[in-house]
Amino acid sequence: MKEKKQTFTVLFWIRKGRTSENMAPLHCRVTISGQRYEIPMNIYLPLSSWSSTAQKALGKTDICKEVNRYIEDLKMTIDETLTRIRNKKYPVNIENFKLMFNAQENEYSTISKLFEYHEIIEKKKFRENTFVGYRITRNHLINYIRIKYHTTDYDITAIDKAFVYEFFAYLQGFQSQRQQNRQSRQCK
């Protein structure tokens, strides 16, 4: 049985059915192996200035130049998204593309920074017992990172399924060690 060839296309078009005063919204469609993801670009342009074959605005007006810059920026973002998917060795499919495309870079890019942020923001919402559990989880996670990776912090974009499974195994080992310590203290 032959393996189906993976296809990838990007299409820019205007929605003529949604025109208002001779202006139409611009859209982008990413298709991966027959599955589509449509991206509304929130830009309107005159119907007469759009070339569907060139997939860009024709003309020298400021609107046309801005639309073409926006199209080029979006193409670069799509390429960067594909590169991130491939670098993480994820399958290139529409679900992974959506997740990576919509993931936003933020200043809380490490586990410690993310926990600190949530501790400040969410502390008022936590009950005392929940907050204690939150801190215990954070401490276990930081300790696991220190032991496993010999570092004090970890990039959250590098967290994958293997990381989660290994952290879970670490917690299981910690619990069994804790129970053994309790039993040895009771025997004495």
Protein backbone atom coordinates (compact mmCIF):
# COMPACT_ATOMS: atom_id res chain seq x y z
CA MET A 1 0.00 0.00 0.00
CA LYS A 2 1.40 3.37 -1.00
CA GLU A 3 1.75 6.09 1.57
CA LYS A 4 -0.35 9.16 0.80
CA LYS A 5 1.78 12.16 -0.14
CA GLN A 6 1.43 15.08 2.25
CA THR A 7 0.34 18.32 0.61
CA PHE A 8 0.58 21.86 1.94
CA THR A 9 -0.93 24.97 0.34
CA VAL A 10 -1.62 28.54 1.37
CA LEU A 11 -4.31 30.52 -0.41
CA PHE A 12 -5.26 34.18 -0.01
CA TRP A 13 -8.65 35.32 -1.29
CA ILE A 14 -11.35 37.90 -0.75
CA ARG A 15 -14.89 36.99 0.25
CA LYS A 16 -17.01 38.63 -2.40
CA GLY A 17 -20.22 37.62 -0.65
CA ARG A 18 -19.37 39.83 2.32
CA THR A 19 -18.69 43.08 0.54
CA SER A 20 -19.68 46.45 1.88
CA GLU A 21 -19.30 49.58 -0.22
CA ASN A 22 -17.12 47.78 -2.78
CA MET A 23 -14.74 46.60 -0.02
CA ALA A 24 -14.28 42.89 0.76
CA PRO A 25 -12.56 41.05 3.64
CA LEU A 26 -9.30 39.24 2.96
CA HIS A 27 -8.89 35.66 4.16
CA CYS A 28 -6.13 33.07 4.23
CA ARG A 29 -6.62 29.32 3.97
CA VAL A 30 -3.95 26.83 4.98
CA THR A 31 -4.55 23.32 3.65
CA ILE A 32 -2.56 20.34 4.88
CA SER A 33 -3.35 16.99 3.26
CA GLY A 34 -6.89 18.09 2.41
CA GLN A 35 -7.72 19.56 5.83
CA ARG A 36 -8.37 23.29 5.91
CA TYR A 37 -7.78 26.05 8.42
CA GLU A 38 -9.13 29.49 7.56
CA ILE A 39 -7.57 32.61 8.99
CA PRO A 40 -9.60 35.84 8.83
CA MET A 41 -7.12 38.63 8.27
CA ASN A 42 -9.38 41.48 9.43
CA ILE A 43 -8.39 43.61 6.45
CA TYR A 44 -10.75 45.01 3.82
CA LEU A 45 -9.69 46.07 0.37
CA PRO A 46 -11.39 47.26 -2.83
CA LEU A 47 -12.63 44.43 -5.06
CA SER A 48 -11.02 46.04 -8.11
CA SER A 49 -7.51 45.97 -6.62
CA TRP A 50 -7.40 42.21 -5.84
CA SER A 51 -5.70 39.72 -8.18
CA SER A 52 -6.73 36.15 -7.40
CA THR A 53 -4.03 34.68 -9.66
CA ALA A 54 -1.23 36.71 -8.05
CA GLN A 55 -2.89 36.46 -4.60
CA LYS A 56 -2.08 40.03 -3.80
CA ALA A 57 -3.39 43.54 -4.15
CA LEU A 58 -2.52 45.32 -7.37
CA GLY A 59 -1.98 49.01 -7.33
CA LYS A 60 0.16 51.67 -5.74
CA THR A 61 -2.27 52.96 -3.11
CA ASP A 62 -1.45 52.87 0.58
CA ILE A 63 -4.18 50.28 1.16
CA CYS A 64 -2.72 47.95 -1.48
CA LYS A 65 0.79 48.32 -0.06
CA GLU A 66 -0.44 47.64 3.47
CA VAL A 67 -2.40 44.56 2.34
CA ASN A 68 0.63 43.15 0.53
CA ARG A 69 2.86 43.75 3.58
CA TYR A 70 0.30 42.00 5.75
CA ILE A 71 0.18 39.05 3.34
CA GLU A 72 3.98 38.75 3.39
CA ASP A 73 4.05 38.93 7.19
CA LEU A 74 1.43 36.21 7.44
CA LYS A 75 3.36 34.01 4.99
CA MET A 76 6.45 34.38 7.19
CA THR A 77 4.43 33.52 10.30
CA ILE A 78 3.04 30.42 8.57
CA ASP A 79 6.57 29.36 7.56
CA GLU A 80 7.83 29.93 11.12
CA THR A 81 4.94 27.85 12.46
CA LEU A 82 5.84 24.97 10.15
CA THR A 83 9.48 25.23 11.19
CA ARG A 84 8.52 25.04 14.89
CA ILE A 85 6.36 21.97 14.23
CA ARG A 86 9.19 20.25 12.38
CA ASN A 87 11.81 21.25 14.98
CA LYS A 88 9.70 19.66 17.71
CA LYS A 89 9.32 16.60 15.47
CA TYR A 90 5.53 16.77 15.64
CA PRO A 91 3.49 15.42 12.74
CA VAL A 92 2.66 18.15 10.23
CA ASN A 93 -1.12 18.14 10.36
CA ILE A 94 -3.83 20.76 10.64
CA GLU A 95 -4.36 20.23 14.40
CA ASN A 96 -0.70 20.81 15.23
CA PHE A 97 -0.60 23.76 12.84
CA LYS A 98 -3.58 25.40 14.59
CA LEU A 99 -2.04 24.88 18.02
CA MET A 100 1.37 26.25 17.04
CA PHE A 101 -0.04 29.09 14.94
CA ASN A 102 -2.29 30.30 17.75
CA ALA A 103 0.35 29.85 20.48
CA GLN A 104 1.58 33.26 21.43
CA GLU A 105 5.03 34.05 22.66
CA ASN A 106 4.98 35.61 26.12
CA GLU A 107 7.36 36.81 28.75
CA TYR A 108 6.47 33.84 30.96
CA SER A 109 8.48 31.39 28.92
CA THR A 110 9.95 29.36 31.76
CA ILE A 111 8.32 27.21 34.41
CA SER A 112 9.46 29.40 37.31
CA LYS A 113 8.23 32.60 35.68
CA LEU A 114 4.90 31.00 34.86
CA PHE A 115 4.42 29.74 38.42
CA GLU A 116 5.39 33.17 39.83
CA TYR A 117 2.91 34.87 37.52
CA HIS A 118 0.06 32.55 38.50
CA GLU A 119 0.96 32.79 42.16
CA ILE A 120 0.60 36.58 42.03
CA ILE A 121 -2.52 36.62 39.85
CA GLU A 122 -4.40 33.62 41.22
CA LYS A 123 -3.43 33.73 44.90
CA LYS A 124 -6.60 35.59 45.84
CA LYS A 125 -8.73 32.90 44.18
CA PHE A 126 -7.01 29.94 45.85
CA ARG A 127 -8.15 28.48 49.13
CA GLU A 128 -5.32 27.96 51.57
CA ASN A 129 -5.19 24.17 51.02
CA THR A 130 -5.22 24.61 47.24
CA PHE A 131 -2.40 27.11 47.46
CA VAL A 132 -0.35 24.69 49.58
CA GLY A 133 -0.85 21.97 46.92
CA TYR A 134 0.09 24.47 44.22
CA ARG A 135 3.37 25.29 45.98
CA ILE A 136 4.15 21.61 46.57
CA THR A 137 3.62 20.89 42.87
CA ARG A 138 5.87 23.80 41.92
CA ASN A 139 8.58 22.62 44.30
CA HIS A 140 8.43 19.07 42.95
CA LEU A 141 8.61 20.31 39.38
CA ILE A 142 11.57 22.62 40.06
CA ASN A 143 13.32 19.84 41.99
CA TYR A 144 12.72 17.39 39.12
CA ILE A 145 14.19 19.90 36.63
CA ARG A 146 17.22 20.44 38.85
CA ILE A 147 17.85 16.69 39.14
CA LYS A 148 17.05 15.68 35.56
CA TYR A 149 18.42 18.64 33.57
CA HIS A 150 20.94 20.12 36.04
CA THR A 151 19.43 23.57 35.68
CA THR A 152 17.28 25.85 37.82
CA ASP A 153 14.57 26.52 35.25
CA TYR A 154 13.06 25.05 32.07
CA ASP A 155 11.59 26.48 28.88
CA ILE A 156 7.86 25.73 28.73
CA THR A 157 7.94 25.34 24.94
CA ALA A 158 10.30 22.38 25.41
CA ILE A 159 7.74 20.49 27.48
CA ASP A 160 6.56 17.48 25.55
CA LYS A 161 4.88 14.15 26.25
CA ALA A 162 8.16 12.55 27.33
CA PHE A 163 8.77 15.35 29.86
CA VAL A 164 5.32 14.82 31.37
CA TYR A 165 5.74 11.04 31.59
CA GLU A 166 9.17 11.37 33.19
CA PHE A 167 7.87 13.93 35.70
CA PHE A 168 5.00 11.58 36.53
CA ALA A 169 7.48 8.74 37.07
CA TYR A 170 9.54 11.07 39.29
CA LEU A 171 6.44 11.81 41.38
CA GLN A 172 5.63 8.11 41.67
CA GLY A 173 9.18 7.44 42.86
CA PHE A 174 8.94 10.31 45.33
CA GLN A 175 5.68 8.97 46.77
CA SER A 176 7.04 5.44 47.16
CA GLN A 177 10.20 6.80 48.82
CA ARG A 178 8.05 8.89 51.17
CA GLN A 179 5.96 5.86 52.15
CA GLN A 180 9.11 3.81 52.79
CA ASN A 181 10.47 6.57 55.05
CA ARG A 182 7.19 6.63 57.03
CA GLN A 183 7.21 2.87 57.45
CA SER A 184 10.83 2.82 58.61
CA ARG A 185 10.05 5.53 61.18
CA GLN A 186 7.06 3.58 62.49
CA CYS A 187 9.12 0.41 62.90
CA LYS A 188 11.67 2.14 65.12
